[in-house]
Amino acid sequence: MKVWIILPAFNEENSIPLMFPKIKNMFREKGLEYRIVVVEDGSIDSTAQVLRQIRDDYPLDIVVHKMNRGLGETERDGFEYIAEHADENDIIVRLDCDDTHEPGYIFALIDKLNEGYDVVNTSRFQPGGGQRGVNAYRAFISYTANVFMKIMFNIQGVRDYSCGYRAYRVKVIKDAIKIFGNGFIQLKGLGFTSTLEIIVKLKLMGCRFAEIPFELRYDKKASPSKMVTSITTLGYFTMALLYHWPFGGWQMYYKGLPDAYKKSPDEALRLFGRQYVRRSTVCQIGG
């Protein structure tokens, strides 16, 4: 088993020298094989140069965007790259590159995944979790957004919908990309919406979710925030509309997908894969 680490990177020249040694030392202690996939999203600082300088010191693959494309396309390209190169029994861990996600949680995520789950989330809202360096206004917005997402999507086992620090089985990501195609992340241009959309799409497949408690270290953030709250908020409302749309929305169109996927991935692909069936209009938007 190999652990693949996705790091979206936009203007992270100060963060990379902090994050990479932590990851290297942890995996050396555990004796596990790992590979880091950085999606360099058109940075305008020295991120690309820093990555080139350390390339020989780490098991590192770099996917390059010549221009900034946003988190949605960055996550999509990272997952697709790993799905193409990884084995089915491998694991993907996606975390932020700004030093707010301590790599020390990686092995707790893997241990929980090995209990039989498909996706394991880090959660600020589980007992023992929390966040440092987040002002009261931002904390309120985050909490309110997560309540909204819980009401709209109600993924069993998930309380923290907006934290992208997660572990996934490579197999379910491979299957999701086959079934949804480019629609695995439809709302690519709406800020940080993709972080939520990924687990919503995996819920539609019938995947099993769990969480571990996690402390977000926003006080250690080594680069400016890239999140545009208004665009991401628009993305959350748009996704809720697409999910609940009564005429071929995601929830209705993919109603039979969990049973088909449980029977076999091939059956799910035959019944719902975009190369075999014409999807509803709502399921084609952005995909």
C-alpha atoms as a PDB file:
ATOM      1  CA  MET A   1       0.000   0.000   0.000  1.00  0.00           C
ATOM      2  CA  LYS A   2       1.192   3.481  -0.905  1.00  0.00           C
ATOM      3  CA  VAL A   3      -0.124   6.762   0.493  1.00  0.00           C
ATOM      4  CA  TRP A   4      -0.600   9.499  -2.103  1.00  0.00           C
ATOM      5  CA  ILE A   5      -0.687  13.043  -0.733  1.00  0.00           C
ATOM      6  CA  ILE A   6      -2.424  15.781  -2.725  1.00  0.00           C
ATOM      7  CA  LEU A   7      -1.221  19.314  -2.027  1.00  0.00           C
ATOM      8  CA  PRO A   8      -2.970  22.107  -3.967  1.00  0.00           C
ATOM      9  CA  ALA A   9      -0.450  24.954  -4.185  1.00  0.00           C
ATOM     10  CA  PHE A  10      -1.028  28.579  -5.111  1.00  0.00           C
ATOM     11  CA  ASN A  11       1.562  31.063  -3.854  1.00  0.00           C
ATOM     12  CA  GLU A  12       2.963  28.719  -1.209  1.00  0.00           C
ATOM     13  CA  GLU A  13       6.676  29.606  -1.365  1.00  0.00           C
ATOM     14  CA  ASN A  14       6.776  30.060   2.434  1.00  0.00           C
ATOM     15  CA  SER A  15       4.644  27.019   3.280  1.00  0.00           C
ATOM     16  CA  ILE A  16       6.364  24.277   1.289  1.00  0.00           C
ATOM     17  CA  PRO A  17       9.651  24.377   3.260  1.00  0.00           C
ATOM     18  CA  LEU A  18       7.584  23.957   6.449  1.00  0.00           C
ATOM     19  CA  MET A  19       5.252  21.169   5.279  1.00  0.00           C
ATOM     20  CA  PHE A  20       7.529  18.831   3.339  1.00  0.00           C
ATOM     21  CA  PRO A  21      10.073  17.998   6.080  1.00  0.00           C
ATOM     22  CA  LYS A  22       7.203  17.162   8.466  1.00  0.00           C
ATOM     23  CA  ILE A  23       5.722  14.735   5.948  1.00  0.00           C
ATOM     24  CA  LYS A  24       9.096  13.155   5.174  1.00  0.00           C
ATOM     25  CA  ASN A  25      10.016  12.634   8.840  1.00  0.00           C
ATOM     26  CA  MET A  26       6.619  11.113   9.668  1.00  0.00           C
ATOM     27  CA  PHE A  27       6.695   8.556   6.889  1.00  0.00           C
ATOM     28  CA  ARG A  28      10.315   7.688   7.615  1.00  0.00           C
ATOM     29  CA  GLU A  29       9.347   6.872  11.216  1.00  0.00           C
ATOM     30  CA  LYS A  30       6.391   4.728  10.116  1.00  0.00           C
ATOM     31  CA  GLY A  31       8.253   3.026   7.297  1.00  0.00           C
ATOM     32  CA  LEU A  32       5.347   3.538   4.863  1.00  0.00           C
ATOM     33  CA  GLU A  33       5.722   4.248   1.167  1.00  0.00           C
ATOM     34  CA  TYR A  34       4.325   7.597   0.080  1.00  0.00           C
ATOM     35  CA  ARG A  35       4.283  10.008  -2.820  1.00  0.00           C
ATOM     36  CA  ILE A  36       3.429  13.718  -2.860  1.00  0.00           C
ATOM     37  CA  VAL A  37       1.470  15.168  -5.771  1.00  0.00           C
ATOM     38  CA  VAL A  38       1.588  18.954  -5.846  1.00  0.00           C
ATOM     39  CA  VAL A  39      -0.759  20.696  -8.244  1.00  0.00           C
ATOM     40  CA  GLU A  40       0.982  24.017  -8.809  1.00  0.00           C
ATOM     41  CA  ASP A  41      -1.890  26.317  -9.727  1.00  0.00           C
ATOM     42  CA  GLY A  42      -0.217  29.106 -11.681  1.00  0.00           C
ATOM     43  CA  SER A  43       1.506  30.724  -8.708  1.00  0.00           C
ATOM     44  CA  ILE A  44       2.902  34.239  -9.184  1.00  0.00           C
ATOM     45  CA  ASP A  45       5.485  33.915  -6.397  1.00  0.00           C
ATOM     46  CA  SER A  46       8.441  31.500  -6.217  1.00  0.00           C
ATOM     47  CA  THR A  47       6.409  28.338  -5.551  1.00  0.00           C
ATOM     48  CA  ALA A  48       7.437  26.687  -8.832  1.00  0.00           C
ATOM     49  CA  GLN A  49      11.105  27.472  -8.228  1.00  0.00           C
ATOM     50  CA  VAL A  50      10.984  26.116  -4.656  1.00  0.00           C
ATOM     51  CA  LEU A  51       9.424  22.877  -5.918  1.00  0.00           C
ATOM     52  CA  ARG A  52      12.104  22.451  -8.561  1.00  0.00           C
ATOM     53  CA  GLN A  53      14.820  22.963  -5.946  1.00  0.00           C
ATOM     54  CA  ILE A  54      13.512  20.217  -3.642  1.00  0.00           C
ATOM     55  CA  ARG A  55      12.313  17.804  -6.308  1.00  0.00           C
ATOM     56  CA  ASP A  56      15.158  15.324  -5.818  1.00  0.00           C
ATOM     57  CA  ASP A  57      14.756  15.297  -2.035  1.00  0.00           C
ATOM     58  CA  TYR A  58      11.228  13.879  -1.973  1.00  0.00           C
ATOM     59  CA  PRO A  59       9.071  11.343  -3.847  1.00  0.00           C
ATOM     60  CA  LEU A  60       7.393  14.216  -5.666  1.00  0.00           C
ATOM     61  CA  ASP A  61       5.251  14.648  -8.763  1.00  0.00           C
ATOM     62  CA  ILE A  62       4.319  18.138  -9.906  1.00  0.00           C
ATOM     63  CA  VAL A  63       1.236  18.880 -12.007  1.00  0.00           C
ATOM     64  CA  VAL A  64       1.511  22.384 -13.442  1.00  0.00           C
ATOM     65  CA  HIS A  65      -1.189  24.886 -14.357  1.00  0.00           C
ATOM     66  CA  LYS A  66       0.342  27.663 -16.449  1.00  0.00           C
ATOM     67  CA  MET A  67      -2.338  30.006 -15.139  1.00  0.00           C
ATOM     68  CA  ASN A  68      -4.353  30.069 -11.934  1.00  0.00           C
ATOM     69  CA  ARG A  69      -7.442  27.883 -12.393  1.00  0.00           C
ATOM     70  CA  GLY A  70      -8.804  27.764  -8.844  1.00  0.00           C
ATOM     71  CA  LEU A  71      -9.215  25.012  -6.277  1.00  0.00           C
ATOM     72  CA  GLY A  72     -11.888  23.086  -8.215  1.00  0.00           C
ATOM     73  CA  GLU A  73      -9.701  22.355 -11.231  1.00  0.00           C
ATOM     74  CA  THR A  74      -6.674  21.892  -8.990  1.00  0.00           C
ATOM     75  CA  GLU A  75      -8.399  19.200  -6.930  1.00  0.00           C
ATOM     76  CA  ARG A  76      -9.818  17.577 -10.048  1.00  0.00           C
ATOM     77  CA  ASP A  77      -6.404  17.327 -11.705  1.00  0.00           C
ATOM     78  CA  GLY A  78      -4.801  15.987  -8.531  1.00  0.00           C
ATOM     79  CA  PHE A  79      -7.388  13.249  -8.082  1.00  0.00           C
ATOM     80  CA  GLU A  80      -7.327  12.318 -11.767  1.00  0.00           C
ATOM     81  CA  TYR A  81      -3.523  12.115 -11.774  1.00  0.00           C
ATOM     82  CA  ILE A  82      -3.484   9.780  -8.789  1.00  0.00           C
ATOM     83  CA  ALA A  83      -6.391   7.694 -10.113  1.00  0.00           C
ATOM     84  CA  GLU A  84      -4.338   7.109 -13.263  1.00  0.00           C
ATOM     85  CA  HIS A  85      -1.098   6.162 -11.480  1.00  0.00           C
ATOM     86  CA  ALA A  86      -2.132   4.536  -8.178  1.00  0.00           C
ATOM     87  CA  ASP A  87      -3.180   0.985  -7.324  1.00  0.00           C
ATOM     88  CA  GLU A  88      -6.702   0.300  -6.099  1.00  0.00           C
ATOM     89  CA  ASN A  89      -5.532  -0.608  -2.604  1.00  0.00           C
ATOM     90  CA  ASP A  90      -3.622   2.667  -2.176  1.00  0.00           C
ATOM     91  CA  ILE A  91      -4.840   5.625  -0.128  1.00  0.00           C
ATOM     92  CA  ILE A  92      -5.175   9.311  -0.990  1.00  0.00           C
ATOM     93  CA  VAL A  93      -4.759  12.001   1.659  1.00  0.00           C
ATOM     94  CA  ARG A  94      -5.616  15.524   0.612  1.00  0.00           C
ATOM     95  CA  LEU A  95      -4.498  18.389   2.843  1.00  0.00           C
ATOM     96  CA  ASP A  96      -3.836  22.093   2.483  1.00  0.00           C
ATOM     97  CA  CYS A  97      -0.352  23.310   1.655  1.00  0.00           C
ATOM     98  CA  ASP A  98      -0.405  26.386   3.942  1.00  0.00           C
ATOM     99  CA  ASP A  99       0.731  24.644   7.165  1.00  0.00           C
ATOM    100  CA  THR A 100      -2.714  24.867   8.820  1.00  0.00           C
ATOM    101  CA  HIS A 101      -3.214  21.080   8.452  1.00  0.00           C
ATOM    102  CA  GLU A 102      -0.703  19.233  10.611  1.00  0.00           C
ATOM    103  CA  PRO A 103       0.502  16.071   8.803  1.00  0.00           C
ATOM    104  CA  GLY A 104       0.456  14.251  12.138  1.00  0.00           C
ATOM    105  CA  TYR A 105      -3.209  13.389  11.596  1.00  0.00           C
ATOM    106  CA  ILE A 106      -2.473  11.347   8.465  1.00  0.00           C
ATOM    107  CA  PHE A 107      -1.975   8.051  10.260  1.00  0.00           C
ATOM    108  CA  ALA A 108      -5.083   8.490  12.427  1.00  0.00           C
ATOM    109  CA  LEU A 109      -7.022   8.986   9.186  1.00  0.00           C
ATOM    110  CA  ILE A 110      -5.516   5.820   7.722  1.00  0.00           C
ATOM    111  CA  ASP A 111      -6.232   3.800  10.879  1.00  0.00           C
ATOM    112  CA  LYS A 112      -9.878   4.887  10.757  1.00  0.00           C
ATOM    113  CA  LEU A 113     -10.075   4.138   7.038  1.00  0.00           C
ATOM    114  CA  ASN A 114      -8.844   0.627   7.756  1.00  0.00           C
ATOM    115  CA  GLU A 115     -11.882   0.046   9.972  1.00  0.00           C
ATOM    116  CA  GLY A 116     -13.876  -0.332   6.753  1.00  0.00           C
ATOM    117  CA  TYR A 117     -14.723   3.211   5.680  1.00  0.00           C
ATOM    118  CA  ASP A 118     -14.287   4.681   2.197  1.00  0.00           C
ATOM    119  CA  VAL A 119     -13.659   8.276   3.280  1.00  0.00           C
ATOM    120  CA  VAL A 120     -12.413   9.632   6.605  1.00  0.00           C
ATOM    121  CA  ASN A 121     -12.710  13.312   7.356  1.00  0.00           C
ATOM    122  CA  THR A 122     -10.884  15.490   9.866  1.00  0.00           C
ATOM    123  CA  SER A 123     -13.416  17.407  11.930  1.00  0.00           C
ATOM    124  CA  ARG A 124     -13.213  20.549  14.041  1.00  0.00           C
ATOM    125  CA  PHE A 125     -16.645  19.686  15.415  1.00  0.00           C
ATOM    126  CA  GLN A 126     -15.922  16.255  16.884  1.00  0.00           C
ATOM    127  CA  PRO A 127     -15.111  16.070  20.634  1.00  0.00           C
ATOM    128  CA  GLY A 128     -11.436  16.952  20.948  1.00  0.00           C
ATOM    129  CA  GLY A 129     -11.408  19.025  17.753  1.00  0.00           C
ATOM    130  CA  GLY A 130     -11.270  22.787  17.368  1.00  0.00           C
ATOM    131  CA  GLN A 131      -9.480  25.642  15.683  1.00  0.00           C
ATOM    132  CA  ARG A 132      -6.884  28.241  16.620  1.00  0.00           C
ATOM    133  CA  GLY A 133      -6.315  31.643  15.083  1.00  0.00           C
ATOM    134  CA  VAL A 134      -9.817  31.961  13.636  1.00  0.00           C
ATOM    135  CA  ASN A 135     -11.630  35.140  14.592  1.00  0.00           C
ATOM    136  CA  ALA A 136     -15.177  35.051  15.953  1.00  0.00           C
ATOM    137  CA  TYR A 137     -16.773  36.226  12.688  1.00  0.00           C
ATOM    138  CA  ARG A 138     -15.003  33.606  10.565  1.00  0.00           C
ATOM    139  CA  ALA A 139     -15.777  30.906  13.132  1.00  0.00           C
ATOM    140  CA  PHE A 140     -19.477  31.857  13.069  1.00  0.00           C
ATOM    141  CA  ILE A 141     -19.583  31.799   9.258  1.00  0.00           C
ATOM    142  CA  SER A 142     -17.875  28.383   9.197  1.00  0.00           C
ATOM    143  CA  TYR A 143     -20.241  26.924  11.783  1.00  0.00           C
ATOM    144  CA  THR A 144     -23.322  28.340  10.009  1.00  0.00           C
ATOM    145  CA  ALA A 145     -22.133  27.013   6.639  1.00  0.00           C
ATOM    146  CA  ASN A 146     -21.639  23.532   8.080  1.00  0.00           C
ATOM    147  CA  VAL A 147     -25.134  23.558   9.610  1.00  0.00           C
ATOM    148  CA  PHE A 148     -26.500  24.506   6.173  1.00  0.00           C
ATOM    149  CA  MET A 149     -24.569  21.679   4.507  1.00  0.00           C
ATOM    150  CA  LYS A 150     -25.752  19.162   7.099  1.00  0.00           C
ATOM    151  CA  ILE A 151     -29.365  20.135   6.439  1.00  0.00           C
ATOM    152  CA  MET A 152     -28.960  20.102   2.641  1.00  0.00           C
ATOM    153  CA  PHE A 153     -26.851  16.957   2.168  1.00  0.00           C
ATOM    154  CA  ASN A 154     -26.935  15.004   5.472  1.00  0.00           C
ATOM    155  CA  ILE A 155     -23.965  12.721   4.912  1.00  0.00           C
ATOM    156  CA  GLN A 156     -24.002  10.100   7.643  1.00  0.00           C
ATOM    157  CA  GLY A 157     -20.781  10.205   9.664  1.00  0.00           C
ATOM    158  CA  VAL A 158     -19.834  13.761   8.640  1.00  0.00           C
ATOM    159  CA  ARG A 159     -20.078  16.915  10.749  1.00  0.00           C
ATOM    160  CA  ASP A 160     -17.315  19.029   9.175  1.00  0.00           C
ATOM    161  CA  TYR A 161     -18.241  19.475   5.516  1.00  0.00           C
ATOM    162  CA  SER A 162     -15.860  22.287   4.576  1.00  0.00           C
ATOM    163  CA  CYS A 163     -12.498  20.928   5.739  1.00  0.00           C
ATOM    164  CA  GLY A 164     -10.627  19.333   2.844  1.00  0.00           C
ATOM    165  CA  TYR A 165      -8.224  17.341   5.021  1.00  0.00           C
ATOM    166  CA  ARG A 166      -9.438  13.807   4.246  1.00  0.00           C
ATOM    167  CA  ALA A 167      -8.337  10.280   3.430  1.00  0.00           C
ATOM    168  CA  TYR A 168      -9.919   8.326   0.575  1.00  0.00           C
ATOM    169  CA  ARG A 169      -9.603   4.832  -0.786  1.00  0.00           C
ATOM    170  CA  VAL A 170      -8.112   5.103  -4.249  1.00  0.00           C
ATOM    171  CA  LYS A 171     -10.613   2.529  -5.502  1.00  0.00           C
ATOM    172  CA  VAL A 172     -13.652   4.722  -4.804  1.00  0.00           C
ATOM    173  CA  ILE A 173     -11.975   7.707  -6.458  1.00  0.00           C
ATOM    174  CA  LYS A 174     -11.161   5.629  -9.553  1.00  0.00           C
ATOM    175  CA  ASP A 175     -14.758   4.401  -9.684  1.00  0.00           C
ATOM    176  CA  ALA A 176     -16.191   7.888  -9.140  1.00  0.00           C
ATOM    177  CA  ILE A 177     -14.176   9.325 -12.010  1.00  0.00           C
ATOM    178  CA  LYS A 178     -15.360   6.502 -14.293  1.00  0.00           C
ATOM    179  CA  ILE A 179     -19.019   6.970 -13.317  1.00  0.00           C
ATOM    180  CA  PHE A 180     -19.246  10.781 -13.181  1.00  0.00           C
ATOM    181  CA  GLY A 181     -16.517  11.575 -15.704  1.00  0.00           C
ATOM    182  CA  ASN A 182     -15.719  15.274 -15.834  1.00  0.00           C
ATOM    183  CA  GLY A 183     -18.833  15.751 -13.712  1.00  0.00           C
ATOM    184  CA  PHE A 184     -17.089  14.341 -10.646  1.00  0.00           C
ATOM    185  CA  ILE A 185     -16.405  18.000  -9.884  1.00  0.00           C
ATOM    186  CA  GLN A 186     -18.997  19.962 -11.851  1.00  0.00           C
ATOM    187  CA  LEU A 187     -18.805  23.296 -10.025  1.00  0.00           C
ATOM    188  CA  LYS A 188     -15.122  23.852 -10.706  1.00  0.00           C
ATOM    189  CA  GLY A 189     -15.284  27.631 -10.951  1.00  0.00           C
ATOM    190  CA  LEU A 190     -17.143  28.375  -7.717  1.00  0.00           C
ATOM    191  CA  GLY A 191     -14.428  28.893  -5.145  1.00  0.00           C
ATOM    192  CA  PHE A 192     -13.888  26.169  -2.565  1.00  0.00           C
ATOM    193  CA  THR A 193     -17.169  24.424  -3.439  1.00  0.00           C
ATOM    194  CA  SER A 194     -15.270  21.430  -4.829  1.00  0.00           C
ATOM    195  CA  THR A 195     -14.245  20.367  -1.315  1.00  0.00           C
ATOM    196  CA  LEU A 196     -17.913  19.757  -0.533  1.00  0.00           C
ATOM    197  CA  GLU A 197     -18.880  18.429  -3.966  1.00  0.00           C
ATOM    198  CA  ILE A 198     -16.386  15.561  -3.774  1.00  0.00           C
ATOM    199  CA  ILE A 199     -18.003  14.026  -0.701  1.00  0.00           C
ATOM    200  CA  VAL A 200     -21.519  14.716  -2.006  1.00  0.00           C
ATOM    201  CA  LYS A 201     -20.706  12.751  -5.171  1.00  0.00           C
ATOM    202  CA  LEU A 202     -19.234   9.918  -3.098  1.00  0.00           C
ATOM    203  CA  LYS A 203     -22.369   9.918  -0.943  1.00  0.00           C
ATOM    204  CA  LEU A 204     -24.411   9.456  -4.139  1.00  0.00           C
ATOM    205  CA  MET A 205     -22.361   6.287  -4.746  1.00  0.00           C
ATOM    206  CA  GLY A 206     -23.191   4.968  -1.273  1.00  0.00           C
ATOM    207  CA  CYS A 207     -19.710   5.383   0.201  1.00  0.00           C
ATOM    208  CA  ARG A 208     -19.155   5.039   3.950  1.00  0.00           C
ATOM    209  CA  PHE A 209     -17.873   8.043   5.917  1.00  0.00           C
ATOM    210  CA  ALA A 210     -16.265   8.616   9.298  1.00  0.00           C
ATOM    211  CA  GLU A 211     -14.396  11.410  11.074  1.00  0.00           C
ATOM    212  CA  ILE A 212     -11.562  11.933  13.508  1.00  0.00           C
ATOM    213  CA  PRO A 213     -11.205  15.018  15.746  1.00  0.00           C
ATOM    214  CA  PHE A 214      -8.867  17.658  14.354  1.00  0.00           C
ATOM    215  CA  GLU A 215      -7.520  21.043  15.380  1.00  0.00           C
ATOM    216  CA  LEU A 216      -7.197  23.566  12.565  1.00  0.00           C
ATOM    217  CA  ARG A 217      -4.044  25.644  13.142  1.00  0.00           C
ATOM    218  CA  TYR A 218      -5.025  28.830  11.336  1.00  0.00           C
ATOM    219  CA  ASP A 219      -2.605  30.656  13.631  1.00  0.00           C
ATOM    220  CA  LYS A 220       0.244  28.940  11.760  1.00  0.00           C
ATOM    221  CA  LYS A 221      -0.983  29.852   8.284  1.00  0.00           C
ATOM    222  CA  ALA A 222       2.084  30.704   6.208  1.00  0.00           C
ATOM    223  CA  SER A 223       0.328  32.258   3.205  1.00  0.00           C
ATOM    224  CA  PRO A 224      -2.638  34.593   2.596  1.00  0.00           C
ATOM    225  CA  SER A 225      -6.124  33.099   2.371  1.00  0.00           C
ATOM    226  CA  LYS A 226      -7.275  32.325  -1.169  1.00  0.00           C
ATOM    227  CA  MET A 227     -10.921  31.809  -0.295  1.00  0.00           C
ATOM    228  CA  VAL A 228     -13.417  34.292  -1.736  1.00  0.00           C
ATOM    229  CA  THR A 229     -16.325  33.803   0.656  1.00  0.00           C
ATOM    230  CA  SER A 230     -19.008  35.235  -1.641  1.00  0.00           C
ATOM    231  CA  ILE A 231     -18.117  32.924  -4.554  1.00  0.00           C
ATOM    232  CA  THR A 232     -17.904  29.846  -2.341  1.00  0.00           C
ATOM    233  CA  THR A 233     -21.228  30.714  -0.691  1.00  0.00           C
ATOM    234  CA  LEU A 234     -22.803  31.020  -4.141  1.00  0.00           C
ATOM    235  CA  GLY A 235     -21.340  27.596  -4.925  1.00  0.00           C
ATOM    236  CA  TYR A 236     -22.914  26.019  -1.833  1.00  0.00           C
ATOM    237  CA  PHE A 237     -26.357  27.382  -2.727  1.00  0.00           C
ATOM    238  CA  THR A 238     -25.936  26.331  -6.363  1.00  0.00           C
ATOM    239  CA  MET A 239     -25.012  22.805  -5.316  1.00  0.00           C
ATOM    240  CA  ALA A 240     -27.991  22.569  -2.970  1.00  0.00           C
ATOM    241  CA  LEU A 241     -30.222  23.618  -5.877  1.00  0.00           C
ATOM    242  CA  LEU A 242     -28.702  21.062  -8.258  1.00  0.00           C
ATOM    243  CA  TYR A 243     -28.882  18.342  -5.623  1.00  0.00           C
ATOM    244  CA  HIS A 244     -32.552  18.890  -4.743  1.00  0.00           C
ATOM    245  CA  TRP A 245     -33.849  20.031  -8.167  1.00  0.00           C
ATOM    246  CA  PRO A 246     -37.125  18.088  -8.602  1.00  0.00           C
ATOM    247  CA  PHE A 247     -36.647  17.507 -12.341  1.00  0.00           C
ATOM    248  CA  GLY A 248     -33.567  15.316 -12.665  1.00  0.00           C
ATOM    249  CA  GLY A 249     -31.470  16.782  -9.860  1.00  0.00           C
ATOM    250  CA  TRP A 250     -28.535  14.831  -8.478  1.00  0.00           C
ATOM    251  CA  GLN A 251     -30.475  13.191  -5.670  1.00  0.00           C
ATOM    252  CA  MET A 252     -33.247  12.044  -8.010  1.00  0.00           C
ATOM    253  CA  TYR A 253     -31.120  11.065 -11.000  1.00  0.00           C
ATOM    254  CA  TYR A 254     -28.624   9.005  -8.995  1.00  0.00           C
ATOM    255  CA  LYS A 255     -31.226   7.442  -6.690  1.00  0.00           C
ATOM    256  CA  GLY A 256     -30.385   3.905  -7.792  1.00  0.00           C
ATOM    257  CA  LEU A 257     -26.617   4.394  -7.852  1.00  0.00           C
ATOM    258  CA  PRO A 258     -25.790   3.125  -4.308  1.00  0.00           C
ATOM    259  CA  ASP A 259     -27.518  -0.219  -4.919  1.00  0.00           C
ATOM    260  CA  ALA A 260     -25.920  -0.586  -8.349  1.00  0.00           C
ATOM    261  CA  TYR A 261     -22.475   0.276  -7.003  1.00  0.00           C
ATOM    262  CA  LYS A 262     -22.874  -2.108  -4.093  1.00  0.00           C
ATOM    263  CA  LYS A 263     -23.719  -4.861  -6.589  1.00  0.00           C
ATOM    264  CA  SER A 264     -20.663  -4.044  -8.710  1.00  0.00           C
ATOM    265  CA  PRO A 265     -18.799  -0.999 -10.044  1.00  0.00           C
ATOM    266  CA  ASP A 266     -19.356  -2.308 -13.579  1.00  0.00           C
ATOM    267  CA  GLU A 267     -23.113  -2.337 -13.023  1.00  0.00           C
ATOM    268  CA  ALA A 268     -22.988   1.230 -11.694  1.00  0.00           C
ATOM    269  CA  LEU A 269     -20.953   2.313 -14.697  1.00  0.00           C
ATOM    270  CA  ARG A 270     -23.357   0.641 -17.137  1.00  0.00           C
ATOM    271  CA  LEU A 271     -26.403   2.309 -15.601  1.00  0.00           C
ATOM    272  CA  PHE A 272     -24.983   5.747 -14.782  1.00  0.00           C
ATOM    273  CA  GLY A 273     -21.704   6.254 -16.671  1.00  0.00           C
ATOM    274  CA  ARG A 274     -21.806   9.245 -18.972  1.00  0.00           C
ATOM    275  CA  GLN A 275     -20.376   7.174 -21.839  1.00  0.00           C
ATOM    276  CA  TYR A 276     -23.356   4.777 -21.665  1.00  0.00           C
ATOM    277  CA  VAL A 277     -26.381   6.891 -20.758  1.00  0.00           C
ATOM    278  CA  ARG A 278     -27.545  10.426 -21.369  1.00  0.00           C
ATOM    279  CA  ARG A 279     -27.604  12.265 -18.080  1.00  0.00           C
ATOM    280  CA  SER A 280     -30.256  14.752 -17.042  1.00  0.00           C
ATOM    281  CA  THR A 281     -29.613  18.401 -17.910  1.00  0.00           C
ATOM    282  CA  VAL A 282     -28.857  19.254 -14.293  1.00  0.00           C
ATOM    283  CA  CYS A 283     -26.237  16.496 -14.134  1.00  0.00           C
ATOM    284  CA  GLN A 284     -24.529  17.908 -17.229  1.00  0.00           C
ATOM    285  CA  ILE A 285     -24.139  21.469 -15.941  1.00  0.00           C
ATOM    286  CA  GLY A 286     -20.443  22.306 -15.669  1.00  0.00           C
ATOM    287  CA  GLY A 287     -19.461  18.712 -16.421  1.00  0.00           C
END
